[in-house]
Amino acid sequence: MLSNKPVNPSRDIVQASVGAFFVRIYGGNSFTTKKPTRWEFRQILEETGFVAELREAIMIGEFRPLMSLTGRNAGL
């Protein structure tokens, strides 16, 4: 899970609700850049090893313009 919100509040919110569905939770201060760059997603995919190809990954979010731009930048 990747949010542009700070990592600690993001973790608290996600773990209190749907945390069982995520193996990693990152916030806007977890990396040197924020969405819509592609680097955060690529690092998460590498760390988890769940996705062999970027075309197999999906992105779910609440703000369509940011999701679209971030997904496109990441090659998803």
PDB file of N, CA and C in Angstrom:
ATOM      1  N   MET A   1       0.847  -1.154   0.000  1.00  0.00           N
ATOM      2  CA  MET A   1       0.000   0.000   0.000  1.00  0.00           C
ATOM      3  C   MET A   1       0.897   1.222   0.000  1.00  0.00           C
ATOM      4  N   LEU A   2       0.558   2.165  -0.836  1.00  0.00           N
ATOM      5  CA  LEU A   2       1.336   3.395  -0.930  1.00  0.00           C
ATOM      6  C   LEU A   2       0.407   4.590  -0.879  1.00  0.00           C
ATOM      7  N   SER A   3       0.670   5.486   0.057  1.00  0.00           N
ATOM      8  CA  SER A   3      -0.107   6.704   0.204  1.00  0.00           C
ATOM      9  C   SER A   3       0.840   7.889   0.171  1.00  0.00           C
ATOM     10  N   ASN A   4       0.357   9.038  -0.255  1.00  0.00           N
ATOM     11  CA  ASN A   4       1.160  10.256  -0.155  1.00  0.00           C
ATOM     12  C   ASN A   4       1.065  10.863   1.238  1.00  0.00           C
ATOM     13  N   LYS A   5       0.165  10.332   2.061  1.00  0.00           N
ATOM     14  CA  LYS A   5       0.058  10.782   3.458  1.00  0.00           C
ATOM     15  C   LYS A   5       1.255  10.227   4.234  1.00  0.00           C
ATOM     16  N   PRO A   6       1.643  10.832   5.358  1.00  0.00           N
ATOM     17  CA  PRO A   6       2.774  10.320   6.141  1.00  0.00           C
ATOM     18  C   PRO A   6       2.583   8.845   6.520  1.00  0.00           C
ATOM     19  N   VAL A   7       3.676   8.132   6.630  1.00  0.00           N
ATOM     20  CA  VAL A   7       3.634   6.683   6.807  1.00  0.00           C
ATOM     21  C   VAL A   7       2.964   6.242   8.113  1.00  0.00           C
ATOM     22  N   ASN A   8       3.254   6.886   9.237  1.00  0.00           N
ATOM     23  CA  ASN A   8       2.689   6.410  10.504  1.00  0.00           C
ATOM     24  C   ASN A   8       1.166   6.499  10.552  1.00  0.00           C
ATOM     25  N   PRO A   9       0.551   7.631  10.206  1.00  0.00           N
ATOM     26  CA  PRO A   9      -0.909   7.650  10.182  1.00  0.00           C
ATOM     27  C   PRO A   9      -1.478   6.691   9.131  1.00  0.00           C
ATOM     28  N   SER A  10      -0.797   6.565   8.002  1.00  0.00           N
ATOM     29  CA  SER A  10      -1.257   5.632   6.966  1.00  0.00           C
ATOM     30  C   SER A  10      -1.272   4.204   7.495  1.00  0.00           C
ATOM     31  N   ARG A  11      -0.198   3.809   8.167  1.00  0.00           N
ATOM     32  CA  ARG A  11      -0.129   2.455   8.746  1.00  0.00           C
ATOM     33  C   ARG A  11      -1.236   2.228   9.767  1.00  0.00           C
ATOM     34  N   ASP A  12      -1.423   3.204  10.645  1.00  0.00           N
ATOM     35  CA  ASP A  12      -2.448   3.068  11.681  1.00  0.00           C
ATOM     36  C   ASP A  12      -3.830   2.874  11.074  1.00  0.00           C
ATOM     37  N   ILE A  13      -4.159   3.673  10.080  1.00  0.00           N
ATOM     38  CA  ILE A  13      -5.477   3.585   9.442  1.00  0.00           C
ATOM     39  C   ILE A  13      -5.650   2.254   8.730  1.00  0.00           C
ATOM     40  N   VAL A  14      -4.665   1.877   7.946  1.00  0.00           N
ATOM     41  CA  VAL A  14      -4.770   0.632   7.172  1.00  0.00           C
ATOM     42  C   VAL A  14      -4.780  -0.585   8.085  1.00  0.00           C
ATOM     43  N   GLN A  15      -3.892  -0.630   9.060  1.00  0.00           N
ATOM     44  CA  GLN A  15      -3.841  -1.792   9.947  1.00  0.00           C
ATOM     45  C   GLN A  15      -5.107  -1.935  10.784  1.00  0.00           C
ATOM     46  N   ALA A  16      -5.765  -0.833  11.083  1.00  0.00           N
ATOM     47  CA  ALA A  16      -7.000  -0.893  11.863  1.00  0.00           C
ATOM     48  C   ALA A  16      -8.190  -1.339  11.023  1.00  0.00           C
ATOM     49  N   SER A  17      -8.047  -1.325   9.712  1.00  0.00           N
ATOM     50  CA  SER A  17      -9.191  -1.667   8.868  1.00  0.00           C
ATOM     51  C   SER A  17      -8.902  -2.842   7.936  1.00  0.00           C
ATOM     52  N   VAL A  18      -8.062  -2.652   6.966  1.00  0.00           N
ATOM     53  CA  VAL A  18      -7.845  -3.691   5.944  1.00  0.00           C
ATOM     54  C   VAL A  18      -6.389  -4.165   5.897  1.00  0.00           C
ATOM     55  N   GLY A  19      -5.675  -4.005   6.980  1.00  0.00           N
ATOM     56  CA  GLY A  19      -4.254  -4.331   7.035  1.00  0.00           C
ATOM     57  C   GLY A  19      -3.900  -5.746   6.642  1.00  0.00           C
ATOM     58  N   ALA A  20      -4.805  -6.681   6.841  1.00  0.00           N
ATOM     59  CA  ALA A  20      -4.528  -8.081   6.516  1.00  0.00           C
ATOM     60  C   ALA A  20      -4.316  -8.300   5.018  1.00  0.00           C
ATOM     61  N   PHE A  21      -4.741  -7.354   4.208  1.00  0.00           N
ATOM     62  CA  PHE A  21      -4.629  -7.504   2.764  1.00  0.00           C
ATOM     63  C   PHE A  21      -3.330  -6.924   2.195  1.00  0.00           C
ATOM     64  N   PHE A  22      -2.511  -6.323   3.041  1.00  0.00           N
ATOM     65  CA  PHE A  22      -1.295  -5.667   2.570  1.00  0.00           C
ATOM     66  C   PHE A  22      -0.066  -6.234   3.264  1.00  0.00           C
ATOM     67  N   VAL A  23       0.985  -6.473   2.482  1.00  0.00           N
ATOM     68  CA  VAL A  23       2.234  -6.967   3.058  1.00  0.00           C
ATOM     69  C   VAL A  23       3.205  -5.833   3.364  1.00  0.00           C
ATOM     70  N   ARG A  24       3.006  -4.697   2.731  1.00  0.00           N
ATOM     71  CA  ARG A  24       3.820  -3.514   2.981  1.00  0.00           C
ATOM     72  C   ARG A  24       2.900  -2.294   3.016  1.00  0.00           C
ATOM     73  N   ILE A  25       3.227  -1.336   3.860  1.00  0.00           N
ATOM     74  CA  ILE A  25       2.483  -0.082   3.924  1.00  0.00           C
ATOM     75  C   ILE A  25       3.499   1.053   3.934  1.00  0.00           C
ATOM     76  N   TYR A  26       3.414   1.913   2.925  1.00  0.00           N
ATOM     77  CA  TYR A  26       4.336   3.034   2.794  1.00  0.00           C
ATOM     78  C   TYR A  26       3.554   4.336   2.752  1.00  0.00           C
ATOM     79  N   GLY A  27       4.187   5.393   3.224  1.00  0.00           N
ATOM     80  CA  GLY A  27       3.579   6.723   3.187  1.00  0.00           C
ATOM     81  C   GLY A  27       4.417   7.677   2.373  1.00  0.00           C
ATOM     82  N   GLY A  28       3.955   8.905   2.315  1.00  0.00           N
ATOM     83  CA  GLY A  28       4.625   9.921   1.519  1.00  0.00           C
ATOM     84  C   GLY A  28       6.033  10.247   1.969  1.00  0.00           C
ATOM     85  N   ASN A  29       6.366   9.928   3.194  1.00  0.00           N
ATOM     86  CA  ASN A  29       7.723  10.176   3.676  1.00  0.00           C
ATOM     87  C   ASN A  29       8.574   8.899   3.722  1.00  0.00           C
ATOM     88  N   SER A  30       8.114   7.834   3.081  1.00  0.00           N
ATOM     89  CA  SER A  30       8.875   6.580   3.035  1.00  0.00           C
ATOM     90  C   SER A  30       9.945   6.603   1.946  1.00  0.00           C
ATOM     91  N   PHE A  31       9.772   7.439   0.938  1.00  0.00           N
ATOM     92  CA  PHE A  31      10.687   7.523  -0.195  1.00  0.00           C
ATOM     93  C   PHE A  31      11.083   8.984  -0.388  1.00  0.00           C
ATOM     94  N   THR A  32      12.064   9.214  -1.225  1.00  0.00           N
ATOM     95  CA  THR A  32      12.489  10.593  -1.485  1.00  0.00           C
ATOM     96  C   THR A  32      11.552  11.300  -2.458  1.00  0.00           C
ATOM     97  N   THR A  33      10.726  10.547  -3.177  1.00  0.00           N
ATOM     98  CA  THR A  33       9.751  11.120  -4.104  1.00  0.00           C
ATOM     99  C   THR A  33       8.365  10.616  -3.731  1.00  0.00           C
ATOM    100  N   LYS A  34       7.344  11.234  -4.325  1.00  0.00           N
ATOM    101  CA  LYS A  34       5.957  10.837  -4.067  1.00  0.00           C
ATOM    102  C   LYS A  34       5.251  10.538  -5.385  1.00  0.00           C
ATOM    103  N   LYS A  35       4.100   9.872  -5.278  1.00  0.00           N
ATOM    104  CA  LYS A  35       3.287   9.674  -6.464  1.00  0.00           C
ATOM    105  C   LYS A  35       3.046  11.032  -7.102  1.00  0.00           C
ATOM    106  N   PRO A  36       3.064  11.190  -8.377  1.00  0.00           N
ATOM    107  CA  PRO A  36       2.883  10.172  -9.407  1.00  0.00           C
ATOM    108  C   PRO A  36       4.165   9.623 -10.021  1.00  0.00           C
ATOM    109  N   THR A  37       5.298   9.660  -9.315  1.00  0.00           N
ATOM    110  CA  THR A  37       6.507   9.067  -9.889  1.00  0.00           C
ATOM    111  C   THR A  37       6.376   7.552  -9.911  1.00  0.00           C
ATOM    112  N   ARG A  38       7.239   6.900 -10.618  1.00  0.00           N
ATOM    113  CA  ARG A  38       7.124   5.445 -10.774  1.00  0.00           C
ATOM    114  C   ARG A  38       7.990   4.652  -9.806  1.00  0.00           C
ATOM    115  N   TRP A  39       8.973   5.268  -9.218  1.00  0.00           N
ATOM    116  CA  TRP A  39       9.987   4.542  -8.455  1.00  0.00           C
ATOM    117  C   TRP A  39       9.423   3.814  -7.247  1.00  0.00           C
ATOM    118  N   GLU A  40       8.480   4.416  -6.560  1.00  0.00           N
ATOM    119  CA  GLU A  40       7.924   3.786  -5.355  1.00  0.00           C
ATOM    120  C   GLU A  40       7.258   2.461  -5.703  1.00  0.00           C
ATOM    121  N   PHE A  41       6.464   2.442  -6.757  1.00  0.00           N
ATOM    122  CA  PHE A  41       5.780   1.211  -7.145  1.00  0.00           C
ATOM    123  C   PHE A  41       6.761   0.139  -7.575  1.00  0.00           C
ATOM    124  N   ARG A  42       7.746   0.525  -8.322  1.00  0.00           N
ATOM    125  CA  ARG A  42       8.732  -0.469  -8.770  1.00  0.00           C
ATOM    126  C   ARG A  42       9.483  -1.067  -7.580  1.00  0.00           C
ATOM    127  N   GLN A  43       9.830  -0.254  -6.602  1.00  0.00           N
ATOM    128  CA  GLN A  43      10.521  -0.777  -5.425  1.00  0.00           C
ATOM    129  C   GLN A  43       9.617  -1.739  -4.650  1.00  0.00           C
ATOM    130  N   ILE A  44       8.360  -1.361  -4.480  1.00  0.00           N
ATOM    131  CA  ILE A  44       7.426  -2.234  -3.767  1.00  0.00           C
ATOM    132  C   ILE A  44       7.276  -3.570  -4.494  1.00  0.00           C
ATOM    133  N   LEU A  45       7.142  -3.538  -5.805  1.00  0.00           N
ATOM    134  CA  LEU A  45       7.015  -4.776  -6.578  1.00  0.00           C
ATOM    135  C   LEU A  45       8.268  -5.629  -6.452  1.00  0.00           C
ATOM    136  N   GLU A  46       9.437  -5.014  -6.479  1.00  0.00           N
ATOM    137  CA  GLU A  46      10.685  -5.755  -6.303  1.00  0.00           C
ATOM    138  C   GLU A  46      10.763  -6.383  -4.916  1.00  0.00           C
ATOM    139  N   GLU A  47      10.428  -5.613  -3.883  1.00  0.00           N
ATOM    140  CA  GLU A  47      10.503  -6.106  -2.505  1.00  0.00           C
ATOM    141  C   GLU A  47       9.586  -7.300  -2.264  1.00  0.00           C
ATOM    142  N   THR A  48       8.381  -7.217  -2.774  1.00  0.00           N
ATOM    143  CA  THR A  48       7.406  -8.268  -2.500  1.00  0.00           C
ATOM    144  C   THR A  48       7.592  -9.484  -3.387  1.00  0.00           C
ATOM    145  N   GLY A  49       8.084  -9.280  -4.607  1.00  0.00           N
ATOM    146  CA  GLY A  49       8.263 -10.385  -5.533  1.00  0.00           C
ATOM    147  C   GLY A  49       6.955 -10.980  -6.016  1.00  0.00           C
ATOM    148  N   PHE A  50       5.840 -10.297  -5.774  1.00  0.00           N
ATOM    149  CA  PHE A  50       4.543 -10.831  -6.173  1.00  0.00           C
ATOM    150  C   PHE A  50       4.284 -10.715  -7.666  1.00  0.00           C
ATOM    151  N   VAL A  51       4.873  -9.743  -8.291  1.00  0.00           N
ATOM    152  CA  VAL A  51       4.580  -9.474  -9.693  1.00  0.00           C
ATOM    153  C   VAL A  51       5.857  -9.606 -10.508  1.00  0.00           C
ATOM    154  N   ALA A  52       5.845 -10.532 -11.451  1.00  0.00           N
ATOM    155  CA  ALA A  52       7.008 -10.732 -12.304  1.00  0.00           C
ATOM    156  C   ALA A  52       7.060  -9.695 -13.419  1.00  0.00           C
ATOM    157  N   GLU A  53       5.918  -9.280 -13.899  1.00  0.00           N
ATOM    158  CA  GLU A  53       5.826  -8.315 -14.982  1.00  0.00           C
ATOM    159  C   GLU A  53       4.962  -7.138 -14.548  1.00  0.00           C
ATOM    160  N   LEU A  54       5.356  -5.931 -14.914  1.00  0.00           N
ATOM    161  CA  LEU A  54       4.566  -4.758 -14.553  1.00  0.00           C
ATOM    162  C   LEU A  54       3.149  -4.836 -15.100  1.00  0.00           C
ATOM    163  N   ARG A  55       2.982  -5.454 -16.258  1.00  0.00           N
ATOM    164  CA  ARG A  55       1.632  -5.536 -16.841  1.00  0.00           C
ATOM    165  C   ARG A  55       0.703  -6.422 -16.016  1.00  0.00           C
ATOM    166  N   GLU A  56       1.246  -7.184 -15.062  1.00  0.00           N
ATOM    167  CA  GLU A  56       0.428  -8.027 -14.189  1.00  0.00           C
ATOM    168  C   GLU A  56      -0.046  -7.279 -12.942  1.00  0.00           C
ATOM    169  N   ALA A  57       0.477  -6.083 -12.712  1.00  0.00           N
ATOM    170  CA  ALA A  57       0.138  -5.308 -11.513  1.00  0.00           C
ATOM    171  C   ALA A  57      -1.102  -4.459 -11.762  1.00  0.00           C
ATOM    172  N   ILE A  58      -1.832  -4.195 -10.686  1.00  0.00           N
ATOM    173  CA  ILE A  58      -2.966  -3.283 -10.764  1.00  0.00           C
ATOM    174  C   ILE A  58      -2.819  -2.228  -9.677  1.00  0.00           C
ATOM    175  N   MET A  59      -3.490  -1.124  -9.897  1.00  0.00           N
ATOM    176  CA  MET A  59      -3.452  -0.026  -8.939  1.00  0.00           C
ATOM    177  C   MET A  59      -4.879   0.331  -8.572  1.00  0.00           C
ATOM    178  N   ILE A  60      -5.130   0.470  -7.280  1.00  0.00           N
ATOM    179  CA  ILE A  60      -6.459   0.825  -6.789  1.00  0.00           C
ATOM    180  C   ILE A  60      -6.316   2.091  -5.955  1.00  0.00           C
ATOM    181  N   GLY A  61      -7.208   3.031  -6.157  1.00  0.00           N
ATOM    182  CA  GLY A  61      -7.123   4.272  -5.404  1.00  0.00           C
ATOM    183  C   GLY A  61      -8.405   5.059  -5.473  1.00  0.00           C
ATOM    184  N   GLU A  62      -8.367   6.224  -4.830  1.00  0.00           N
ATOM    185  CA  GLU A  62      -9.595   7.009  -4.748  1.00  0.00           C
ATOM    186  C   GLU A  62      -9.574   8.272  -5.614  1.00  0.00           C
ATOM    187  N   PHE A  63      -8.463   8.640  -6.184  1.00  0.00           N
ATOM    188  CA  PHE A  63      -8.388   9.864  -6.973  1.00  0.00           C
ATOM    189  C   PHE A  63      -7.930   9.515  -8.387  1.00  0.00           C
ATOM    190  N   ARG A  64      -8.892   9.383  -9.278  1.00  0.00           N
ATOM    191  CA  ARG A  64      -8.627   8.856 -10.614  1.00  0.00           C
ATOM    192  C   ARG A  64      -7.503   9.566 -11.371  1.00  0.00           C
ATOM    193  N   PRO A  65      -7.456  10.900 -11.441  1.00  0.00           N
ATOM    194  CA  PRO A  65      -6.362  11.530 -12.194  1.00  0.00           C
ATOM    195  C   PRO A  65      -4.974  11.142 -11.671  1.00  0.00           C
ATOM    196  N   LEU A  66      -4.802  11.112 -10.354  1.00  0.00           N
ATOM    197  CA  LEU A  66      -3.502  10.733  -9.786  1.00  0.00           C
ATOM    198  C   LEU A  66      -3.202   9.264 -10.051  1.00  0.00           C
ATOM    199  N   MET A  67      -4.208   8.398  -9.921  1.00  0.00           N
ATOM    200  CA  MET A  67      -4.008   6.968 -10.190  1.00  0.00           C
ATOM    201  C   MET A  67      -3.593   6.746 -11.634  1.00  0.00           C
ATOM    202  N   SER A  68      -4.285   7.404 -12.549  1.00  0.00           N
ATOM    203  CA  SER A  68      -4.007   7.239 -13.964  1.00  0.00           C
ATOM    204  C   SER A  68      -2.577   7.676 -14.295  1.00  0.00           C
ATOM    205  N   LEU A  69      -2.188   8.831 -13.815  1.00  0.00           N
ATOM    206  CA  LEU A  69      -0.845   9.349 -14.082  1.00  0.00           C
ATOM    207  C   LEU A  69       0.222   8.477 -13.420  1.00  0.00           C
ATOM    208  N   THR A  70      -0.012   8.083 -12.181  1.00  0.00           N
ATOM    209  CA  THR A  70       0.968   7.243 -11.467  1.00  0.00           C
ATOM    210  C   THR A  70       1.097   5.884 -12.139  1.00  0.00           C
ATOM    211  N   GLY A  71      -0.024   5.260 -12.464  1.00  0.00           N
ATOM    212  CA  GLY A  71       0.011   3.961 -13.144  1.00  0.00           C
ATOM    213  C   GLY A  71       0.745   4.038 -14.473  1.00  0.00           C
ATOM    214  N   ARG A  72       0.469   5.061 -15.234  1.00  0.00           N
ATOM    215  CA  ARG A  72       1.123   5.245 -16.521  1.00  0.00           C
ATOM    216  C   ARG A  72       2.636   5.451 -16.323  1.00  0.00           C
ATOM    217  N   ASN A  73       3.014   6.294 -15.358  1.00  0.00           N
ATOM    218  CA  ASN A  73       4.440   6.531 -15.095  1.00  0.00           C
ATOM    219  C   ASN A  73       5.157   5.274 -14.650  1.00  0.00           C
ATOM    220  N   ALA A  74       4.469   4.418 -13.902  1.00  0.00           N
ATOM    221  CA  ALA A  74       5.081   3.185 -13.401  1.00  0.00           C
ATOM    222  C   ALA A  74       5.090   2.069 -14.439  1.00  0.00           C
ATOM    223  N   GLY A  75       4.363   2.264 -15.537  1.00  0.00           N
ATOM    224  CA  GLY A  75       4.300   1.230 -16.562  1.00  0.00           C
ATOM    225  C   GLY A  75       3.319   0.136 -16.228  1.00  0.00           C
ATOM    226  N   LEU A  76       2.328   0.438 -15.363  1.00  0.00           N
ATOM    227  CA  LEU A  76       1.339  -0.568 -14.981  1.00  0.00           C
ATOM    228  C   LEU A  76       0.253  -0.667 -16.032  1.00  0.00           C
TER     229      LEU A  76
END
